[in-house]
Structures are given as C-alpha cells and as structure tokens.
Full PDB file with SEQRES, HELIX, SHEET, SSBOND, CRYST1, ORIGX, SCALE, CONECT and MASTER records, all heavy atoms in Angstrom:
SEQRES   1 A   35  LEU ASP ASP PHE THR VAL ASP ARG TRP LEU THR ASN TYR          
SEQRES   2 A   35  GLY GLU ARG ALA LEU GLN LEU VAL ALA GLY VAL GLU LYS          
SEQRES   3 A   35  GLN GLU GLN MET GLY THR GLY PHE GLY                          
HELIX    1 AA1 ASP A    3  TYR A   13  1                                  11    
HELIX    2 AA2 GLY A   14  ARG A   16  5                                   3    
HELIX    3 AA3 ALA A   17  LEU A   20  1                                   4    
HELIX    4 AA4 GLN A   27  MET A   30  5                                   4    
CRYST1    1.000    1.000    1.000  90.00  90.00  90.00 P 1           1          
ORIGX1      1.000000  0.000000  0.000000        0.00000                         
ORIGX2      0.000000  1.000000  0.000000        0.00000                         
ORIGX3      0.000000  0.000000  1.000000        0.00000                         
SCALE1      1.000000  0.000000  0.000000        0.00000                         
SCALE2      0.000000  1.000000  0.000000        0.00000                         
SCALE3      0.000000  0.000000  1.000000        0.00000                         
ATOM      1  N   LEU A   1     154.742  83.339 245.488  1.00  0.00           N  
ATOM      2  CA  LEU A   1     155.312  82.873 246.649  1.00  0.00           C  
ATOM      3  C   LEU A   1     156.848  83.111 246.598  1.00  0.00           C  
ATOM      4  O   LEU A   1     157.431  82.750 245.582  1.00  0.00           O  
ATOM      5  CB  LEU A   1     154.950  81.322 246.904  1.00  0.00           C  
ATOM      6  CG  LEU A   1     153.651  81.099 247.475  1.00  0.00           C  
ATOM      7  CD1 LEU A   1     153.369  79.553 247.573  1.00  0.00           C  
ATOM      8  CD2 LEU A   1     153.455  81.752 248.911  1.00  0.00           C  
ATOM      9  N   ASP A   2     157.420  83.544 247.731  1.00  0.00           N  
ATOM     10  CA  ASP A   2     158.841  83.694 247.864  1.00  0.00           C  
ATOM     11  C   ASP A   2     159.524  82.331 247.959  1.00  0.00           C  
ATOM     12  O   ASP A   2     158.927  81.280 248.482  1.00  0.00           O  
ATOM     13  CB  ASP A   2     159.288  84.626 248.841  1.00  0.00           C  
ATOM     14  CG  ASP A   2     158.813  84.145 250.304  1.00  0.00           C  
ATOM     15  OD1 ASP A   2     157.676  84.342 250.644  1.00  0.00           O  
ATOM     16  OD2 ASP A   2     159.632  83.474 250.945  1.00  0.00           O  
ATOM     17  N   ASP A   3     160.751  82.202 247.568  1.00  0.00           N  
ATOM     18  CA  ASP A   3     161.545  80.872 247.531  1.00  0.00           C  
ATOM     19  C   ASP A   3     161.617  80.374 249.041  1.00  0.00           C  
ATOM     20  O   ASP A   3     161.533  79.144 249.113  1.00  0.00           O  
ATOM     21  CB  ASP A   3     162.910  81.159 246.980  1.00  0.00           C  
ATOM     22  CG  ASP A   3     162.860  81.410 245.473  1.00  0.00           C  
ATOM     23  OD1 ASP A   3     161.850  81.072 244.866  1.00  0.00           O  
ATOM     24  OD2 ASP A   3     163.860  81.890 244.967  1.00  0.00           O  
ATOM     25  N   PHE A   4     161.814  81.285 249.985  1.00  0.00           N  
ATOM     26  CA  PHE A   4     161.930  80.750 251.433  1.00  0.00           C  
ATOM     27  C   PHE A   4     160.634  79.991 251.725  1.00  0.00           C  
ATOM     28  O   PHE A   4     160.747  78.865 252.366  1.00  0.00           O  
ATOM     29  CB  PHE A   4     162.113  81.890 252.312  1.00  0.00           C  
ATOM     30  CG  PHE A   4     162.132  81.461 253.725  1.00  0.00           C  
ATOM     31  CD1 PHE A   4     163.339  80.882 254.415  1.00  0.00           C  
ATOM     32  CD2 PHE A   4     161.076  81.715 254.579  1.00  0.00           C  
ATOM     33  CE1 PHE A   4     163.274  80.602 255.722  1.00  0.00           C  
ATOM     34  CE2 PHE A   4     161.032  81.356 255.913  1.00  0.00           C  
ATOM     35  CZ  PHE A   4     162.156  80.851 256.479  1.00  0.00           C  
ATOM     36  N   THR A   5     159.504  80.577 251.538  1.00  0.00           N  
ATOM     37  CA  THR A   5     158.291  79.956 251.876  1.00  0.00           C  
ATOM     38  C   THR A   5     157.987  78.635 251.143  1.00  0.00           C  
ATOM     39  O   THR A   5     157.638  77.701 251.723  1.00  0.00           O  
ATOM     40  CB  THR A   5     157.097  80.957 251.713  1.00  0.00           C  
ATOM     41  OG1 THR A   5     157.327  82.073 252.530  1.00  0.00           O  
ATOM     42  CG2 THR A   5     155.748  80.304 252.061  1.00  0.00           C  
ATOM     43  N   VAL A   6     158.252  78.713 249.794  1.00  0.00           N  
ATOM     44  CA  VAL A   6     158.141  77.417 249.040  1.00  0.00           C  
ATOM     45  C   VAL A   6     159.004  76.352 249.555  1.00  0.00           C  
ATOM     46  O   VAL A   6     158.512  75.136 249.833  1.00  0.00           O  
ATOM     47  CB  VAL A   6     158.426  77.761 247.477  1.00  0.00           C  
ATOM     48  CG1 VAL A   6     158.532  76.443 246.769  1.00  0.00           C  
ATOM     49  CG2 VAL A   6     157.399  78.701 246.948  1.00  0.00           C  
ATOM     50  N   ASP A   7     160.328  76.622 249.825  1.00  0.00           N  
ATOM     51  CA  ASP A   7     161.151  75.622 250.378  1.00  0.00           C  
ATOM     52  C   ASP A   7     160.706  75.110 251.745  1.00  0.00           C  
ATOM     53  O   ASP A   7     160.685  73.872 252.017  1.00  0.00           O  
ATOM     54  CB  ASP A   7     162.550  76.239 250.439  1.00  0.00           C  
ATOM     55  CG  ASP A   7     163.241  76.399 249.250  1.00  0.00           C  
ATOM     56  OD1 ASP A   7     162.825  75.798 248.222  1.00  0.00           O  
ATOM     57  OD2 ASP A   7     164.272  77.110 249.151  1.00  0.00           O  
ATOM     58  N   ARG A   8     160.256  76.051 252.605  1.00  0.00           N  
ATOM     59  CA  ARG A   8     159.710  75.689 253.901  1.00  0.00           C  
ATOM     60  C   ARG A   8     158.487  74.754 253.766  1.00  0.00           C  
ATOM     61  O   ARG A   8     158.369  73.790 254.463  1.00  0.00           O  
ATOM     62  CB  ARG A   8     159.450  76.981 254.834  1.00  0.00           C  
ATOM     63  CG  ARG A   8     159.106  76.662 256.244  1.00  0.00           C  
ATOM     64  CD  ARG A   8     158.881  77.872 256.992  1.00  0.00           C  
ATOM     65  NE  ARG A   8     157.830  78.784 256.508  1.00  0.00           N  
ATOM     66  CZ  ARG A   8     156.547  78.590 256.763  1.00  0.00           C  
ATOM     67  NH1 ARG A   8     156.120  77.534 257.404  1.00  0.00           N  
ATOM     68  NH2 ARG A   8     155.658  79.427 256.334  1.00  0.00           N  
ATOM     69  N   TRP A   9     157.552  75.191 252.986  1.00  0.00           N  
ATOM     70  CA  TRP A   9     156.372  74.375 252.750  1.00  0.00           C  
ATOM     71  C   TRP A   9     156.660  72.996 252.196  1.00  0.00           C  
ATOM     72  O   TRP A   9     156.072  72.034 252.667  1.00  0.00           O  
ATOM     73  CB  TRP A   9     155.400  75.136 251.843  1.00  0.00           C  
ATOM     74  CG  TRP A   9     154.667  76.154 252.447  1.00  0.00           C  
ATOM     75  CD1 TRP A   9     154.846  76.773 253.756  1.00  0.00           C  
ATOM     76  CD2 TRP A   9     153.701  77.009 251.831  1.00  0.00           C  
ATOM     77  NE1 TRP A   9     153.848  77.722 253.850  1.00  0.00           N  
ATOM     78  CE2 TRP A   9     153.181  77.896 252.711  1.00  0.00           C  
ATOM     79  CE3 TRP A   9     153.051  76.932 250.603  1.00  0.00           C  
ATOM     80  CZ2 TRP A   9     152.137  78.832 252.430  1.00  0.00           C  
ATOM     81  CZ3 TRP A   9     152.024  77.827 250.242  1.00  0.00           C  
ATOM     82  CH2 TRP A   9     151.655  78.805 251.237  1.00  0.00           C  
ATOM     83  N   LEU A  10     157.527  72.945 251.196  1.00  0.00           N  
ATOM     84  CA  LEU A  10     157.807  71.656 250.674  1.00  0.00           C  
ATOM     85  C   LEU A  10     158.436  70.758 251.729  1.00  0.00           C  
ATOM     86  O   LEU A  10     158.258  69.547 251.662  1.00  0.00           O  
ATOM     87  CB  LEU A  10     158.674  71.795 249.365  1.00  0.00           C  
ATOM     88  CG  LEU A  10     157.987  72.358 248.273  1.00  0.00           C  
ATOM     89  CD1 LEU A  10     158.974  72.599 247.084  1.00  0.00           C  
ATOM     90  CD2 LEU A  10     156.831  71.566 247.784  1.00  0.00           C  
ATOM     91  N   THR A  11     159.375  71.306 252.618  1.00  0.00           N  
ATOM     92  CA  THR A  11     160.056  70.607 253.639  1.00  0.00           C  
ATOM     93  C   THR A  11     158.984  70.138 254.607  1.00  0.00           C  
ATOM     94  O   THR A  11     159.056  68.935 255.060  1.00  0.00           O  
ATOM     95  CB  THR A  11     161.037  71.366 254.275  1.00  0.00           C  
ATOM     96  OG1 THR A  11     162.096  71.634 253.374  1.00  0.00           O  
ATOM     97  CG2 THR A  11     161.705  70.532 255.436  1.00  0.00           C  
ATOM     98  N   ASN A  12     158.081  70.970 255.011  1.00  0.00           N  
ATOM     99  CA  ASN A  12     157.122  70.680 256.069  1.00  0.00           C  
ATOM    100  C   ASN A  12     155.931  69.869 255.614  1.00  0.00           C  
ATOM    101  O   ASN A  12     155.429  68.993 256.338  1.00  0.00           O  
ATOM    102  CB  ASN A  12     156.584  71.970 256.767  1.00  0.00           C  
ATOM    103  CG  ASN A  12     157.647  72.646 257.607  1.00  0.00           C  
ATOM    104  OD1 ASN A  12     158.708  72.051 257.852  1.00  0.00           O  
ATOM    105  ND2 ASN A  12     157.463  73.852 258.044  1.00  0.00           N  
ATOM    106  N   TYR A  13     155.505  70.179 254.338  1.00  0.00           N  
ATOM    107  CA  TYR A  13     154.150  69.595 254.030  1.00  0.00           C  
ATOM    108  C   TYR A  13     154.284  68.585 252.780  1.00  0.00           C  
ATOM    109  O   TYR A  13     153.292  67.885 252.458  1.00  0.00           O  
ATOM    110  CB  TYR A  13     153.183  70.648 253.665  1.00  0.00           C  
ATOM    111  CG  TYR A  13     152.991  71.686 254.749  1.00  0.00           C  
ATOM    112  CD1 TYR A  13     153.462  73.025 254.588  1.00  0.00           C  
ATOM    113  CD2 TYR A  13     152.381  71.330 255.953  1.00  0.00           C  
ATOM    114  CE1 TYR A  13     153.282  73.938 255.690  1.00  0.00           C  
ATOM    115  CE2 TYR A  13     152.240  72.173 257.004  1.00  0.00           C  
ATOM    116  CZ  TYR A  13     152.666  73.473 256.802  1.00  0.00           C  
ATOM    117  OH  TYR A  13     152.386  74.392 257.857  1.00  0.00           O  
ATOM    118  N   GLY A  14     155.413  68.685 252.080  1.00  0.00           N  
ATOM    119  CA  GLY A  14     155.517  67.877 250.858  1.00  0.00           C  
ATOM    120  C   GLY A  14     154.420  68.194 249.870  1.00  0.00           C  
ATOM    121  O   GLY A  14     154.082  69.387 249.636  1.00  0.00           O  
ATOM    122  N   GLU A  15     153.769  67.240 249.299  1.00  0.00           N  
ATOM    123  CA  GLU A  15     152.764  67.413 248.299  1.00  0.00           C  
ATOM    124  C   GLU A  15     151.485  68.080 248.872  1.00  0.00           C  
ATOM    125  O   GLU A  15     150.828  68.862 248.139  1.00  0.00           O  
ATOM    126  CB  GLU A  15     152.363  66.001 247.657  1.00  0.00           C  
ATOM    127  CG  GLU A  15     153.280  65.451 246.733  1.00  0.00           C  
ATOM    128  CD  GLU A  15     152.793  64.205 246.176  1.00  0.00           C  
ATOM    129  OE1 GLU A  15     151.570  63.869 246.268  1.00  0.00           O  
ATOM    130  OE2 GLU A  15     153.683  63.460 245.607  1.00  0.00           O  
ATOM    131  N   ARG A  16     151.345  68.035 250.147  1.00  0.00           N  
ATOM    132  CA  ARG A  16     150.206  68.694 250.818  1.00  0.00           C  
ATOM    133  C   ARG A  16     150.228  70.188 250.713  1.00  0.00           C  
ATOM    134  O   ARG A  16     149.312  70.884 250.928  1.00  0.00           O  
ATOM    135  CB  ARG A  16     150.111  68.311 252.289  1.00  0.00           C  
ATOM    136  CG  ARG A  16     149.661  66.799 252.336  1.00  0.00           C  
ATOM    137  CD  ARG A  16     149.700  66.330 253.773  1.00  0.00           C  
ATOM    138  NE  ARG A  16     151.021  66.451 254.313  1.00  0.00           N  
ATOM    139  CZ  ARG A  16     151.371  66.723 255.602  1.00  0.00           C  
ATOM    140  NH1 ARG A  16     150.415  66.856 256.552  1.00  0.00           N  
ATOM    141  NH2 ARG A  16     152.623  66.774 255.919  1.00  0.00           N  
ATOM    142  N   ALA A  17     151.562  70.763 250.331  1.00  0.00           N  
ATOM    143  CA  ALA A  17     151.716  72.209 250.309  1.00  0.00           C  
ATOM    144  C   ALA A  17     150.729  72.796 249.165  1.00  0.00           C  
ATOM    145  O   ALA A  17     150.362  73.895 249.270  1.00  0.00           O  
ATOM    146  CB  ALA A  17     153.087  72.514 249.836  1.00  0.00           C  
ATOM    147  N   LEU A  18     150.414  71.965 248.181  1.00  0.00           N  
ATOM    148  CA  LEU A  18     149.513  72.403 247.148  1.00  0.00           C  
ATOM    149  C   LEU A  18     148.146  72.834 247.815  1.00  0.00           C  
ATOM    150  O   LEU A  18     147.432  73.601 247.316  1.00  0.00           O  
ATOM    151  CB  LEU A  18     149.242  71.396 246.081  1.00  0.00           C  
ATOM    152  CG  LEU A  18     150.581  71.120 245.274  1.00  0.00           C  
ATOM    153  CD1 LEU A  18     150.347  69.976 244.344  1.00  0.00           C  
ATOM    154  CD2 LEU A  18     150.979  72.355 244.587  1.00  0.00           C  
ATOM    155  N   GLN A  19     147.706  72.113 248.852  1.00  0.00           N  
ATOM    156  CA  GLN A  19     146.515  72.399 249.526  1.00  0.00           C  
ATOM    157  C   GLN A  19     146.413  73.793 250.176  1.00  0.00           C  
ATOM    158  O   GLN A  19     145.337  74.427 250.153  1.00  0.00           O  
ATOM    159  CB  GLN A  19     146.185  71.367 250.666  1.00  0.00           C  
ATOM    160  CG  GLN A  19     145.936  69.980 250.198  1.00  0.00           C  
ATOM    161  CD  GLN A  19     145.722  69.025 251.241  1.00  0.00           C  
ATOM    162  OE1 GLN A  19     145.397  69.378 252.440  1.00  0.00           O  
ATOM    163  NE2 GLN A  19     146.011  67.766 250.976  1.00  0.00           N  
ATOM    164  N   LEU A  20     147.614  74.312 250.538  1.00  0.00           N  
ATOM    165  CA  LEU A  20     147.706  75.661 251.068  1.00  0.00           C  
ATOM    166  C   LEU A  20     147.344  76.770 250.197  1.00  0.00           C  
ATOM    167  O   LEU A  20     146.921  77.832 250.491  1.00  0.00           O  
ATOM    168  CB  LEU A  20     149.111  75.950 251.724  1.00  0.00           C  
ATOM    169  CG  LEU A  20     149.496  74.972 252.865  1.00  0.00           C  
ATOM    170  CD1 LEU A  20     151.033  75.181 253.081  1.00  0.00           C  
ATOM    171  CD2 LEU A  20     148.753  75.474 254.119  1.00  0.00           C  
ATOM    172  N   VAL A  21     147.548  76.515 248.873  1.00  0.00           N  
ATOM    173  CA  VAL A  21     147.343  77.479 247.801  1.00  0.00           C  
ATOM    174  C   VAL A  21     146.172  77.144 246.871  1.00  0.00           C  
ATOM    175  O   VAL A  21     145.894  77.789 245.982  1.00  0.00           O  
ATOM    176  CB  VAL A  21     148.582  77.822 247.030  1.00  0.00           C  
ATOM    177  CG1 VAL A  21     149.607  78.478 247.826  1.00  0.00           C  
ATOM    178  CG2 VAL A  21     149.125  76.612 246.379  1.00  0.00           C  
ATOM    179  N   ALA A  22     145.414  76.195 247.263  1.00  0.00           N  
ATOM    180  CA  ALA A  22     144.291  75.746 246.453  1.00  0.00           C  
ATOM    181  C   ALA A  22     143.280  76.902 246.376  1.00  0.00           C  
ATOM    182  O   ALA A  22     142.865  77.474 247.411  1.00  0.00           O  
ATOM    183  CB  ALA A  22     143.563  74.487 246.958  1.00  0.00           C  
ATOM    184  N   GLY A  23     142.950  77.373 245.130  1.00  0.00           N  
ATOM    185  CA  GLY A  23     142.031  78.402 244.971  1.00  0.00           C  
ATOM    186  C   GLY A  23     142.570  79.807 245.151  1.00  0.00           C  
ATOM    187  O   GLY A  23     141.909  80.798 245.034  1.00  0.00           O  
ATOM    188  N   VAL A  24     143.910  79.946 245.533  1.00  0.00           N  
ATOM    189  CA  VAL A  24     144.545  81.129 245.821  1.00  0.00           C  
ATOM    190  C   VAL A  24     145.244  81.595 244.536  1.00  0.00           C  
ATOM    191  O   VAL A  24     145.987  80.799 243.950  1.00  0.00           O  
ATOM    192  CB  VAL A  24     145.457  81.032 246.995  1.00  0.00           C  
ATOM    193  CG1 VAL A  24     146.261  82.454 247.185  1.00  0.00           C  
ATOM    194  CG2 VAL A  24     144.805  80.630 248.257  1.00  0.00           C  
ATOM    195  N   GLU A  25     144.993  82.879 244.066  1.00  0.00           N  
ATOM    196  CA  GLU A  25     145.583  83.386 242.836  1.00  0.00           C  
ATOM    197  C   GLU A  25     146.600  84.477 243.028  1.00  0.00           C  
ATOM    198  O   GLU A  25     147.308  84.835 242.128  1.00  0.00           O  
ATOM    199  CB  GLU A  25     144.523  83.901 241.913  1.00  0.00           C  
ATOM    200  CG  GLU A  25     143.611  82.775 241.446  1.00  0.00           C  
ATOM    201  CD  GLU A  25     142.416  83.250 240.633  1.00  0.00           C  
ATOM    202  OE1 GLU A  25     142.321  84.434 240.328  1.00  0.00           O  
ATOM    203  OE2 GLU A  25     141.566  82.498 240.231  1.00  0.00           O  
ATOM    204  N   LYS A  26     146.627  85.105 244.294  1.00  0.00           N  
ATOM    205  CA  LYS A  26     147.542  86.145 244.589  1.00  0.00           C  
ATOM    206  C   LYS A  26     147.815  86.188 246.116  1.00  0.00           C  
ATOM    207  O   LYS A  26     147.036  85.751 246.979  1.00  0.00           O  
ATOM    208  CB  LYS A  26     147.125  87.479 244.069  1.00  0.00           C  
ATOM    209  CG  LYS A  26     145.733  87.838 244.603  1.00  0.00           C  
ATOM    210  CD  LYS A  26     145.303  89.070 243.871  1.00  0.00           C  
ATOM    211  CE  LYS A  26     143.790  89.495 244.302  1.00  0.00           C  
ATOM    212  NZ  LYS A  26     143.203  90.518 243.620  1.00  0.00           N  
ATOM    213  N   GLN A  27     148.997  86.782 246.404  1.00  0.00           N  
ATOM    214  CA  GLN A  27     149.506  86.790 247.832  1.00  0.00           C  
ATOM    215  C   GLN A  27     148.404  87.332 248.800  1.00  0.00           C  
ATOM    216  O   GLN A  27     148.272  86.896 249.863  1.00  0.00           O  
ATOM    217  CB  GLN A  27     150.696  87.643 247.928  1.00  0.00           C  
ATOM    218  CG  GLN A  27     151.281  87.761 249.289  1.00  0.00           C  
ATOM    219  CD  GLN A  27     151.842  86.419 249.897  1.00  0.00           C  
ATOM    220  OE1 GLN A  27     152.361  85.690 249.083  1.00  0.00           O  
ATOM    221  NE2 GLN A  27     151.679  86.202 251.102  1.00  0.00           N  
ATOM    222  N   GLU A  28     147.688  88.356 248.368  1.00  0.00           N  
ATOM    223  CA  GLU A  28     146.719  89.018 249.277  1.00  0.00           C  
ATOM    224  C   GLU A  28     145.606  88.026 249.740  1.00  0.00           C  
ATOM    225  O   GLU A  28     145.056  88.257 250.804  1.00  0.00           O  
ATOM    226  CB  GLU A  28     146.003  90.249 248.513  1.00  0.00           C  
ATOM    227  CG  GLU A  28     146.956  91.281 248.239  1.00  0.00           C  
ATOM    228  CD  GLU A  28     147.861  91.055 247.012  1.00  0.00           C  
ATOM    229  OE1 GLU A  28     147.525  90.241 246.074  1.00  0.00           O  
ATOM    230  OE2 GLU A  28     148.924  91.706 246.928  1.00  0.00           O  
ATOM    231  N   GLN A  29     145.372  87.028 249.016  1.00  0.00           N  
ATOM    232  CA  GLN A  29     144.365  86.032 249.353  1.00  0.00           C  
ATOM    233  C   GLN A  29     144.826  85.072 250.480  1.00  0.00           C  
ATOM    234  O   GLN A  29     144.095  84.320 251.022  1.00  0.00           O  
ATOM    235  CB  GLN A  29     143.895  85.243 248.132  1.00  0.00           C  
ATOM    236  CG  GLN A  29     143.113  86.104 247.144  1.00  0.00           C  
ATOM    237  CD  GLN A  29     142.871  85.240 245.877  1.00  0.00           C  
ATOM    238  OE1 GLN A  29     143.757  84.663 245.274  1.00  0.00           O  
ATOM    239  NE2 GLN A  29     141.551  85.124 245.648  1.00  0.00           N  
ATOM    240  N   MET A  30     146.134  85.185 250.867  1.00  0.00           N  
ATOM    241  CA  MET A  30     146.657  84.270 251.859  1.00  0.00           C  
ATOM    242  C   MET A  30     146.418  84.873 253.221  1.00  0.00           C  
ATOM    243  O   MET A  30     146.567  84.153 254.232  1.00  0.00           O  
ATOM    244  CB  MET A  30     148.208  84.167 251.755  1.00  0.00           C  
ATOM    245  CG  MET A  30     148.633  83.530 250.368  1.00  0.00           C  
ATOM    246  SD  MET A  30     148.252  81.766 250.285  1.00  0.00           S  
ATOM    247  CE  MET A  30     149.168  80.972 251.514  1.00  0.00           C  
ATOM    248  N   GLY A  31     145.805  86.023 253.326  1.00  0.00           N  
ATOM    249  CA  GLY A  31     145.440  86.643 254.630  1.00  0.00           C  
ATOM    250  C   GLY A  31     146.555  87.257 255.273  1.00  0.00           C  
ATOM    251  O   GLY A  31     147.657  87.461 254.713  1.00  0.00           O  
ATOM    252  N   THR A  32     146.426  87.647 256.629  1.00  0.00           N  
ATOM    253  CA  THR A  32     147.375  88.288 257.388  1.00  0.00           C  
ATOM    254  C   THR A  32     148.761  87.626 257.311  1.00  0.00           C  
ATOM    255  O   THR A  32     148.818  86.344 257.427  1.00  0.00           O  
ATOM    256  CB  THR A  32     146.881  88.361 258.829  1.00  0.00           C  
ATOM    257  OG1 THR A  32     145.614  89.019 258.881  1.00  0.00           O  
ATOM    258  CG2 THR A  32     147.949  89.129 259.710  1.00  0.00           C  
ATOM    259  N   GLY A  33     149.806  88.323 257.124  1.00  0.00           N  
ATOM    260  CA  GLY A  33     151.149  87.821 257.188  1.00  0.00           C  
ATOM    261  C   GLY A  33     151.736  88.093 258.609  1.00  0.00           C  
ATOM    262  O   GLY A  33     151.665  89.117 259.068  1.00  0.00           O  
ATOM    263  N   PHE A  34     152.271  87.036 259.106  1.00  0.00           N  
ATOM    264  CA  PHE A  34     152.802  87.128 260.531  1.00  0.00           C  
ATOM    265  C   PHE A  34     154.283  87.167 260.591  1.00  0.00           C  
ATOM    266  O   PHE A  34     154.855  87.308 261.669  1.00  0.00           O  
ATOM    267  CB  PHE A  34     152.317  85.955 261.381  1.00  0.00           C  
ATOM    268  CG  PHE A  34     150.791  85.899 261.500  1.00  0.00           C  
ATOM    269  CD1 PHE A  34     150.125  85.087 260.608  1.00  0.00           C  
ATOM    270  CD2 PHE A  34     150.215  86.679 262.464  1.00  0.00           C  
ATOM    271  CE1 PHE A  34     148.717  85.136 260.736  1.00  0.00           C  
ATOM    272  CE2 PHE A  34     148.864  86.655 262.543  1.00  0.00           C  
ATOM    273  CZ  PHE A  34     148.055  85.799 261.716  1.00  0.00           C  
ATOM    274  N   GLY A  35     155.034  87.021 259.401  1.00  0.00           N  
ATOM    275  CA  GLY A  35     156.519  87.001 259.209  1.00  0.00           C  
ATOM    276  C   GLY A  35     156.917  85.657 258.946  1.00  0.00           C  
ATOM    277  O   GLY A  35     156.297  84.671 259.021  1.00  0.00           O  
TER     278      GLY A  35                                                      
MASTER        0    0    0    4    0    0    0    6  277    1    0    3          
END                                                                             
C-alpha cells in the first residue's frame, strides 16, 4: 500500500482500516482502482 492511502485510511477508519485488507496479500486483490 502506498503511504497516501495508508495515511488516508488511518485518518478515515482508524483501527478499522485493517478490515479493508483482511485476507488481502497483494494490490491486485484490492480490485479496480478508481484513483
């Protein structure tokens, strides 16, 4: 994950950010990127 996304997630979701990547091992598993 890039630093911008990590910072945004931590700001927006706090500890819940971990739920976004639960079971995800690589960027491709995150699905379509919208920007």
